[in-house]
Amino acid sequence: MLRNLWGPGDVASYFGIPVQTVYQWRHKKYGPPCRKIGRHLRYKPEEVESWFNSLEA
């Protein structure tokens, strides 16, 4: 069963950044993986956390 999926606003809130930065990351092929459902971007919270943990300190 899927946990609730996050939208760009949820990802921005998680990182404490502007939502526009999340859209810029996607445009630059950077950031956590996401999927497009219709015209909406959705993120799996565990993938967002995993991506963050993979960044070098």
C-alpha atoms as a PDB file:
ATOM      1  CA  MET A   1       0.000   0.000   0.000  1.00  0.00           C
ATOM      2  CA  LEU A   2       1.287   3.464  -0.877  1.00  0.00           C
ATOM      3  CA  ARG A   3       1.709   6.108   1.747  1.00  0.00           C
ATOM      4  CA  ASN A   4       0.266   9.447   0.836  1.00  0.00           C
ATOM      5  CA  LEU A   5       2.141  10.910  -2.105  1.00  0.00           C
ATOM      6  CA  TRP A   6       3.670  14.363  -1.816  1.00  0.00           C
ATOM      7  CA  GLY A   7       3.274  17.245  -4.219  1.00  0.00           C
ATOM      8  CA  PRO A   8       5.962  19.858  -4.928  1.00  0.00           C
ATOM      9  CA  GLY A   9       4.707  21.981  -2.031  1.00  0.00           C
ATOM     10  CA  ASP A  10       5.186  19.102   0.389  1.00  0.00           C
ATOM     11  CA  VAL A  11       8.736  18.527  -0.853  1.00  0.00           C
ATOM     12  CA  ALA A  12       9.507  22.239  -0.541  1.00  0.00           C
ATOM     13  CA  SER A  13       8.123  22.253   2.989  1.00  0.00           C
ATOM     14  CA  TYR A  14      10.169  19.165   3.935  1.00  0.00           C
ATOM     15  CA  PHE A  15      13.392  20.882   2.840  1.00  0.00           C
ATOM     16  CA  GLY A  16      12.371  24.393   3.930  1.00  0.00           C
ATOM     17  CA  ILE A  17      12.854  25.830   0.438  1.00  0.00           C
ATOM     18  CA  PRO A  18      10.630  27.747  -2.016  1.00  0.00           C
ATOM     19  CA  VAL A  19       8.379  25.550  -4.156  1.00  0.00           C
ATOM     20  CA  GLN A  20       9.891  27.160  -7.266  1.00  0.00           C
ATOM     21  CA  THR A  21      13.210  25.539  -6.360  1.00  0.00           C
ATOM     22  CA  VAL A  22      11.570  22.096  -6.577  1.00  0.00           C
ATOM     23  CA  TYR A  23      10.343  22.914 -10.088  1.00  0.00           C
ATOM     24  CA  GLN A  24      13.801  24.186 -11.059  1.00  0.00           C
ATOM     25  CA  TRP A  25      15.371  20.949  -9.808  1.00  0.00           C
ATOM     26  CA  ARG A  26      13.041  18.931 -12.020  1.00  0.00           C
ATOM     27  CA  HIS A  27      13.840  21.121 -15.014  1.00  0.00           C
ATOM     28  CA  LYS A  28      17.581  20.609 -14.373  1.00  0.00           C
ATOM     29  CA  LYS A  29      17.084  16.836 -13.826  1.00  0.00           C
ATOM     30  CA  TYR A  30      18.213  17.182 -10.229  1.00  0.00           C
ATOM     31  CA  GLY A  31      16.458  16.405  -6.985  1.00  0.00           C
ATOM     32  CA  PRO A  32      14.377  13.505  -5.768  1.00  0.00           C
ATOM     33  CA  PRO A  33      12.631  11.275  -8.306  1.00  0.00           C
ATOM     34  CA  CYS A  34       9.038  12.123  -9.100  1.00  0.00           C
ATOM     35  CA  ARG A  35       6.246  10.867 -11.287  1.00  0.00           C
ATOM     36  CA  LYS A  36       3.768  12.779 -13.343  1.00  0.00           C
ATOM     37  CA  ILE A  37       0.125  11.829 -12.811  1.00  0.00           C
ATOM     38  CA  GLY A  38      -1.798  13.713 -15.440  1.00  0.00           C
ATOM     39  CA  ARG A  39      -0.353  17.184 -15.105  1.00  0.00           C
ATOM     40  CA  HIS A  40       0.542  16.799 -11.438  1.00  0.00           C
ATOM     41  CA  LEU A  41       3.960  15.915 -10.011  1.00  0.00           C
ATOM     42  CA  ARG A  42       3.968  13.398  -7.182  1.00  0.00           C
ATOM     43  CA  TYR A  43       6.770  12.200  -4.948  1.00  0.00           C
ATOM     44  CA  LYS A  44       7.048   9.146  -2.710  1.00  0.00           C
ATOM     45  CA  PRO A  45       8.137  10.439   0.718  1.00  0.00           C
ATOM     46  CA  GLU A  46      10.555   7.541   1.223  1.00  0.00           C
ATOM     47  CA  GLU A  47      12.266   8.355  -2.100  1.00  0.00           C
ATOM     48  CA  VAL A  48      12.602  12.021  -1.119  1.00  0.00           C
ATOM     49  CA  GLU A  49      14.203  10.986   2.171  1.00  0.00           C
ATOM     50  CA  SER A  50      16.451   8.449   0.424  1.00  0.00           C
ATOM     51  CA  TRP A  51      17.607  11.066  -2.115  1.00  0.00           C
ATOM     52  CA  PHE A  52      18.401  13.496   0.691  1.00  0.00           C
ATOM     53  CA  ASN A  53      20.346  10.846   2.602  1.00  0.00           C
ATOM     54  CA  SER A  54      22.378  10.063  -0.522  1.00  0.00           C
ATOM     55  CA  LEU A  55      23.753  13.615  -0.709  1.00  0.00           C
ATOM     56  CA  GLU A  56      27.272  14.123   0.531  1.00  0.00           C
ATOM     57  CA  ALA A  57      27.533  15.983   3.802  1.00  0.00           C
END
